[in-house]
Amino acid sequence: MKHQIESTRIIIVRHGDTAYNRETIFRGTLDVPLSDVGYEQARLTGLALRDTPLARVVSSPLSRA
């Protein structure tokens, strides 16, 4: 009897670019909005993952995430 092994795939996506990223300012929990580059990164991430079935999404409540 063959046993089927289930696997879990975890996809980690870092938050998008903000103005503070370029200035290397530590953000911590400060809710810094995405820059234009960050919005494009988010759009491209959405396109890359659009056909990927996701069982769960875990995200920071900050807008840059």
PDB file of N, CA and C in Angstrom:
ATOM      1  N   MET A   1       0.837  -1.172   0.000  1.00  0.00           N
ATOM      2  CA  MET A   1       0.000   0.000   0.000  1.00  0.00           C
ATOM      3  C   MET A   1       0.888   1.244   0.000  1.00  0.00           C
ATOM      4  N   LYS A   2       0.651   2.118  -0.967  1.00  0.00           N
ATOM      5  CA  LYS A   2       1.402   3.366  -1.038  1.00  0.00           C
ATOM      6  C   LYS A   2       0.746   4.406  -0.145  1.00  0.00           C
ATOM      7  N   HIS A   3       1.581   5.165   0.523  1.00  0.00           N
ATOM      8  CA  HIS A   3       1.083   6.268   1.338  1.00  0.00           C
ATOM      9  C   HIS A   3       1.344   7.564   0.588  1.00  0.00           C
ATOM     10  N   GLN A   4       0.323   8.369   0.505  1.00  0.00           N
ATOM     11  CA  GLN A   4       0.476   9.656  -0.156  1.00  0.00           C
ATOM     12  C   GLN A   4       0.913  10.683   0.886  1.00  0.00           C
ATOM     13  N   ILE A   5       1.956  11.408   0.571  1.00  0.00           N
ATOM     14  CA  ILE A   5       2.461  12.428   1.479  1.00  0.00           C
ATOM     15  C   ILE A   5       1.891  13.775   1.070  1.00  0.00           C
ATOM     16  N   GLU A   6       1.243  14.433   2.013  1.00  0.00           N
ATOM     17  CA  GLU A   6       0.737  15.777   1.755  1.00  0.00           C
ATOM     18  C   GLU A   6       1.834  16.779   2.038  1.00  0.00           C
ATOM     19  N   SER A   7       1.876  17.815   1.253  1.00  0.00           N
ATOM     20  CA  SER A   7       2.858  18.863   1.502  1.00  0.00           C
ATOM     21  C   SER A   7       2.148  20.210   1.571  1.00  0.00           C
ATOM     22  N   THR A   8       2.793  21.117   2.225  1.00  0.00           N
ATOM     23  CA  THR A   8       2.283  22.471   2.350  1.00  0.00           C
ATOM     24  C   THR A   8       3.280  23.404   1.689  1.00  0.00           C
ATOM     25  N   ARG A   9       2.786  24.283   0.857  1.00  0.00           N
ATOM     26  CA  ARG A   9       3.640  25.284   0.230  1.00  0.00           C
ATOM     27  C   ARG A   9       3.359  26.616   0.897  1.00  0.00           C
ATOM     28  N   ILE A  10       4.404  27.288   1.310  1.00  0.00           N
ATOM     29  CA  ILE A  10       4.283  28.594   1.948  1.00  0.00           C
ATOM     30  C   ILE A  10       4.894  29.627   1.015  1.00  0.00           C
ATOM     31  N   ILE A  11       4.141  30.654   0.744  1.00  0.00           N
ATOM     32  CA  ILE A  11       4.610  31.744  -0.114  1.00  0.00           C
ATOM     33  C   ILE A  11       4.776  32.968   0.776  1.00  0.00           C
ATOM     34  N   ILE A  12       5.970  33.514   0.805  1.00  0.00           N
ATOM     35  CA  ILE A  12       6.234  34.698   1.623  1.00  0.00           C
ATOM     36  C   ILE A  12       6.457  35.878   0.680  1.00  0.00           C
ATOM     37  N   VAL A  13       5.716  36.946   0.917  1.00  0.00           N
ATOM     38  CA  VAL A  13       5.840  38.160   0.109  1.00  0.00           C
ATOM     39  C   VAL A  13       6.118  39.321   1.056  1.00  0.00           C
ATOM     40  N   ARG A  14       7.189  40.021   0.806  1.00  0.00           N
ATOM     41  CA  ARG A  14       7.536  41.186   1.621  1.00  0.00           C
ATOM     42  C   ARG A  14       6.647  42.354   1.212  1.00  0.00           C
ATOM     43  N   HIS A  15       6.435  43.279   2.132  1.00  0.00           N
ATOM     44  CA  HIS A  15       5.604  44.439   1.808  1.00  0.00           C
ATOM     45  C   HIS A  15       6.228  45.255   0.683  1.00  0.00           C
ATOM     46  N   GLY A  16       5.434  46.091   0.063  1.00  0.00           N
ATOM     47  CA  GLY A  16       5.901  46.900  -1.054  1.00  0.00           C
ATOM     48  C   GLY A  16       6.749  48.074  -0.611  1.00  0.00           C
ATOM     49  N   ASP A  17       7.357  48.715  -1.583  1.00  0.00           N
ATOM     50  CA  ASP A  17       8.252  49.851  -1.366  1.00  0.00           C
ATOM     51  C   ASP A  17       7.495  51.045  -0.789  1.00  0.00           C
ATOM     52  N   THR A  18       8.164  51.757   0.122  1.00  0.00           N
ATOM     53  CA  THR A  18       7.645  53.016   0.669  1.00  0.00           C
ATOM     54  C   THR A  18       8.738  54.072   0.525  1.00  0.00           C
ATOM     55  N   ALA A  19       8.374  55.325   0.719  1.00  0.00           N
ATOM     56  CA  ALA A  19       9.369  56.402   0.669  1.00  0.00           C
ATOM     57  C   ALA A  19      10.433  56.179   1.734  1.00  0.00           C
ATOM     58  N   TYR A  20      10.056  55.615   2.868  1.00  0.00           N
ATOM     59  CA  TYR A  20      11.012  55.389   3.954  1.00  0.00           C
ATOM     60  C   TYR A  20      12.046  54.321   3.582  1.00  0.00           C
ATOM     61  N   ASN A  21      11.696  53.381   2.706  1.00  0.00           N
ATOM     62  CA  ASN A  21      12.663  52.367   2.284  1.00  0.00           C
ATOM     63  C   ASN A  21      13.876  53.017   1.635  1.00  0.00           C
ATOM     64  N   ARG A  22      13.645  53.983   0.811  1.00  0.00           N
ATOM     65  CA  ARG A  22      14.739  54.644   0.100  1.00  0.00           C
ATOM     66  C   ARG A  22      15.617  55.452   1.043  1.00  0.00           C
ATOM     67  N   GLU A  23      15.018  55.958   2.108  1.00  0.00           N
ATOM     68  CA  GLU A  23      15.759  56.765   3.074  1.00  0.00           C
ATOM     69  C   GLU A  23      16.319  55.904   4.207  1.00  0.00           C
ATOM     70  N   THR A  24      16.103  54.611   4.146  1.00  0.00           N
ATOM     71  CA  THR A  24      16.509  53.640   5.170  1.00  0.00           C
ATOM     72  C   THR A  24      16.119  54.083   6.576  1.00  0.00           C
ATOM     73  N   ILE A  25      14.893  54.563   6.689  1.00  0.00           N
ATOM     74  CA  ILE A  25      14.336  54.947   7.983  1.00  0.00           C
ATOM     75  C   ILE A  25      13.588  53.749   8.535  1.00  0.00           C
ATOM     76  N   PHE A  26      13.841  53.401   9.793  1.00  0.00           N
ATOM     77  CA  PHE A  26      13.139  52.287  10.431  1.00  0.00           C
ATOM     78  C   PHE A  26      11.678  52.664  10.608  1.00  0.00           C
ATOM     79  N   ARG A  27      10.774  51.782  10.172  1.00  0.00           N
ATOM     80  CA  ARG A  27       9.357  52.058  10.218  1.00  0.00           C
ATOM     81  C   ARG A  27       8.649  51.444  11.406  1.00  0.00           C
ATOM     82  N   GLY A  28       9.053  50.255  11.796  1.00  0.00           N
ATOM     83  CA  GLY A  28       8.358  49.594  12.896  1.00  0.00           C
ATOM     84  C   GLY A  28       6.883  49.437  12.605  1.00  0.00           C
ATOM     85  N   THR A  29       6.036  49.924  13.480  1.00  0.00           N
ATOM     86  CA  THR A  29       4.591  49.803  13.287  1.00  0.00           C
ATOM     87  C   THR A  29       3.971  51.080  12.740  1.00  0.00           C
ATOM     88  N   LEU A  30       4.805  52.051  12.339  1.00  0.00           N
ATOM     89  CA  LEU A  30       4.298  53.263  11.709  1.00  0.00           C
ATOM     90  C   LEU A  30       3.691  52.882  10.361  1.00  0.00           C
ATOM     91  N   ASP A  31       2.477  53.327  10.105  1.00  0.00           N
ATOM     92  CA  ASP A  31       1.783  52.937   8.875  1.00  0.00           C
ATOM     93  C   ASP A  31       2.152  53.867   7.728  1.00  0.00           C
ATOM     94  N   VAL A  32       3.275  53.590   7.099  1.00  0.00           N
ATOM     95  CA  VAL A  32       3.766  54.385   5.973  1.00  0.00           C
ATOM     96  C   VAL A  32       3.136  53.830   4.696  1.00  0.00           C
ATOM     97  N   PRO A  33       2.517  54.683   3.883  1.00  0.00           N
ATOM     98  CA  PRO A  33       1.854  54.179   2.672  1.00  0.00           C
ATOM     99  C   PRO A  33       2.858  53.731   1.613  1.00  0.00           C
ATOM    100  N   LEU A  34       2.367  52.926   0.695  1.00  0.00           N
ATOM    101  CA  LEU A  34       3.185  52.480  -0.435  1.00  0.00           C
ATOM    102  C   LEU A  34       3.535  53.656  -1.338  1.00  0.00           C
ATOM    103  N   SER A  35       4.713  53.595  -1.934  1.00  0.00           N
ATOM    104  CA  SER A  35       5.094  54.553  -2.970  1.00  0.00           C
ATOM    105  C   SER A  35       4.481  54.084  -4.293  1.00  0.00           C
ATOM    106  N   ASP A  36       4.680  54.855  -5.347  1.00  0.00           N
ATOM    107  CA  ASP A  36       4.211  54.415  -6.673  1.00  0.00           C
ATOM    108  C   ASP A  36       4.866  53.089  -7.054  1.00  0.00           C
ATOM    109  N   VAL A  37       6.145  52.935  -6.707  1.00  0.00           N
ATOM    110  CA  VAL A  37       6.849  51.673  -6.969  1.00  0.00           C
ATOM    111  C   VAL A  37       6.196  50.547  -6.172  1.00  0.00           C
ATOM    112  N   GLY A  38       5.851  50.814  -4.920  1.00  0.00           N
ATOM    113  CA  GLY A  38       5.203  49.811  -4.073  1.00  0.00           C
ATOM    114  C   GLY A  38       3.856  49.373  -4.623  1.00  0.00           C
ATOM    115  N   TYR A  39       3.082  50.326  -5.149  1.00  0.00           N
ATOM    116  CA  TYR A  39       1.796  49.962  -5.756  1.00  0.00           C
ATOM    117  C   TYR A  39       1.999  49.068  -6.975  1.00  0.00           C
ATOM    118  N   GLU A  40       3.027  49.361  -7.765  1.00  0.00           N
ATOM    119  CA  GLU A  40       3.314  48.522  -8.929  1.00  0.00           C
ATOM    120  C   GLU A  40       3.776  47.132  -8.489  1.00  0.00           C
ATOM    121  N   GLN A  41       4.590  47.072  -7.447  1.00  0.00           N
ATOM    122  CA  GLN A  41       5.016  45.776  -6.911  1.00  0.00           C
ATOM    123  C   GLN A  41       3.801  44.966  -6.450  1.00  0.00           C
ATOM    124  N   ALA A  42       2.879  45.623  -5.769  1.00  0.00           N
ATOM    125  CA  ALA A  42       1.675  44.934  -5.289  1.00  0.00           C
ATOM    126  C   ALA A  42       0.835  44.434  -6.467  1.00  0.00           C
ATOM    127  N   ARG A  43       0.700  45.265  -7.493  1.00  0.00           N
ATOM    128  CA  ARG A  43      -0.075  44.868  -8.676  1.00  0.00           C
ATOM    129  C   ARG A  43       0.563  43.648  -9.344  1.00  0.00           C
ATOM    130  N   LEU A  44       1.876  43.674  -9.502  1.00  0.00           N
ATOM    131  CA  LEU A  44       2.567  42.561 -10.146  1.00  0.00           C
ATOM    132  C   LEU A  44       2.503  41.289  -9.298  1.00  0.00           C
ATOM    133  N   THR A  45       2.545  41.441  -7.988  1.00  0.00           N
ATOM    134  CA  THR A  45       2.411  40.280  -7.105  1.00  0.00           C
ATOM    135  C   THR A  45       1.029  39.662  -7.256  1.00  0.00           C
ATOM    136  N   GLY A  46       0.014  40.514  -7.321  1.00  0.00           N
ATOM    137  CA  GLY A  46      -1.347  40.018  -7.538  1.00  0.00           C
ATOM    138  C   GLY A  46      -1.475  39.258  -8.852  1.00  0.00           C
ATOM    139  N   LEU A  47      -0.870  39.791  -9.895  1.00  0.00           N
ATOM    140  CA  LEU A  47      -0.902  39.100 -11.186  1.00  0.00           C
ATOM    141  C   LEU A  47      -0.169  37.765 -11.122  1.00  0.00           C
ATOM    142  N   ALA A  48       0.972  37.747 -10.447  1.00  0.00           N
ATOM    143  CA  ALA A  48       1.762  36.516 -10.351  1.00  0.00           C
ATOM    144  C   ALA A  48       1.029  35.423  -9.579  1.00  0.00           C
ATOM    145  N   LEU A  49       0.218  35.823  -8.611  1.00  0.00           N
ATOM    146  CA  LEU A  49      -0.464  34.842  -7.754  1.00  0.00           C
ATOM    147  C   LEU A  49      -1.933  34.621  -8.106  1.00  0.00           C
ATOM    148  N   ARG A  50      -2.414  35.272  -9.132  1.00  0.00           N
ATOM    149  CA  ARG A  50      -3.859  35.239  -9.421  1.00  0.00           C
ATOM    150  C   ARG A  50      -4.421  33.850  -9.679  1.00  0.00           C
ATOM    151  N   ASP A  51      -3.623  32.944 -10.205  1.00  0.00           N
ATOM    152  CA  ASP A  51      -4.111  31.589 -10.478  1.00  0.00           C
ATOM    153  C   ASP A  51      -3.667  30.584  -9.418  1.00  0.00           C
ATOM    154  N   THR A  52      -3.112  31.078  -8.324  1.00  0.00           N
ATOM    155  CA  THR A  52      -2.627  30.213  -7.248  1.00  0.00           C
ATOM    156  C   THR A  52      -3.714  30.046  -6.198  1.00  0.00           C
ATOM    157  N   PRO A  53      -4.194  28.828  -5.978  1.00  0.00           N
ATOM    158  CA  PRO A  53      -5.195  28.642  -4.928  1.00  0.00           C
ATOM    159  C   PRO A  53      -4.551  28.844  -3.555  1.00  0.00           C
ATOM    160  N   LEU A  54      -5.162  29.673  -2.741  1.00  0.00           N
ATOM    161  CA  LEU A  54      -4.635  29.979  -1.419  1.00  0.00           C
ATOM    162  C   LEU A  54      -5.615  29.516  -0.351  1.00  0.00           C
ATOM    163  N   ALA A  55      -5.124  28.730   0.576  1.00  0.00           N
ATOM    164  CA  ALA A  55      -5.969  28.251   1.674  1.00  0.00           C
ATOM    165  C   ALA A  55      -6.042  29.282   2.794  1.00  0.00           C
ATOM    166  N   ARG A  56      -4.972  30.075   2.938  1.00  0.00           N
ATOM    167  CA  ARG A  56      -4.932  31.051   4.025  1.00  0.00           C
ATOM    168  C   ARG A  56      -3.975  32.169   3.649  1.00  0.00           C
ATOM    169  N   VAL A  57      -4.345  33.384   4.028  1.00  0.00           N
ATOM    170  CA  VAL A  57      -3.477  34.539   3.849  1.00  0.00           C
ATOM    171  C   VAL A  57      -3.300  35.177   5.214  1.00  0.00           C
ATOM    172  N   VAL A  58      -2.049  35.403   5.606  1.00  0.00           N
ATOM    173  CA  VAL A  58      -1.742  36.056   6.875  1.00  0.00           C
ATOM    174  C   VAL A  58      -0.989  37.332   6.523  1.00  0.00           C
ATOM    175  N   SER A  59      -1.469  38.469   7.017  1.00  0.00           N
ATOM    176  CA  SER A  59      -0.879  39.748   6.633  1.00  0.00           C
ATOM    177  C   SER A  59      -0.870  40.695   7.819  1.00  0.00           C
ATOM    178  N   SER A  60       0.072  41.602   7.782  1.00  0.00           N
ATOM    179  CA  SER A  60       0.102  42.701   8.731  1.00  0.00           C
ATOM    180  C   SER A  60      -1.108  43.603   8.462  1.00  0.00           C
ATOM    181  N   PRO A  61      -1.619  44.289   9.477  1.00  0.00           N
ATOM    182  CA  PRO A  61      -2.723  45.219   9.236  1.00  0.00           C
ATOM    183  C   PRO A  61      -2.263  46.539   8.614  1.00  0.00           C
ATOM    184  N   LEU A  62      -0.947  46.741   8.490  1.00  0.00           N
ATOM    185  CA  LEU A  62      -0.444  47.997   7.939  1.00  0.00           C
ATOM    186  C   LEU A  62      -0.710  48.073   6.440  1.00  0.00           C
ATOM    187  N   SER A  63      -0.970  49.267   5.952  1.00  0.00           N
ATOM    188  CA  SER A  63      -1.368  49.429   4.544  1.00  0.00           C
ATOM    189  C   SER A  63      -0.269  49.024   3.567  1.00  0.00           C
ATOM    190  N   ARG A  64       1.002  49.104   3.960  1.00  0.00           N
ATOM    191  CA  ARG A  64       2.076  48.718   3.045  1.00  0.00           C
ATOM    192  C   ARG A  64       2.139  47.210   2.822  1.00  0.00           C
ATOM    193  N   ALA A  65       1.438  46.448   3.652  1.00  0.00           N
ATOM    194  CA  ALA A  65       1.424  44.992   3.509  1.00  0.00           C
ATOM    195  C   ALA A  65       0.229  44.565   2.687  1.00  0.00           C
TER     196      ALA A  65
END
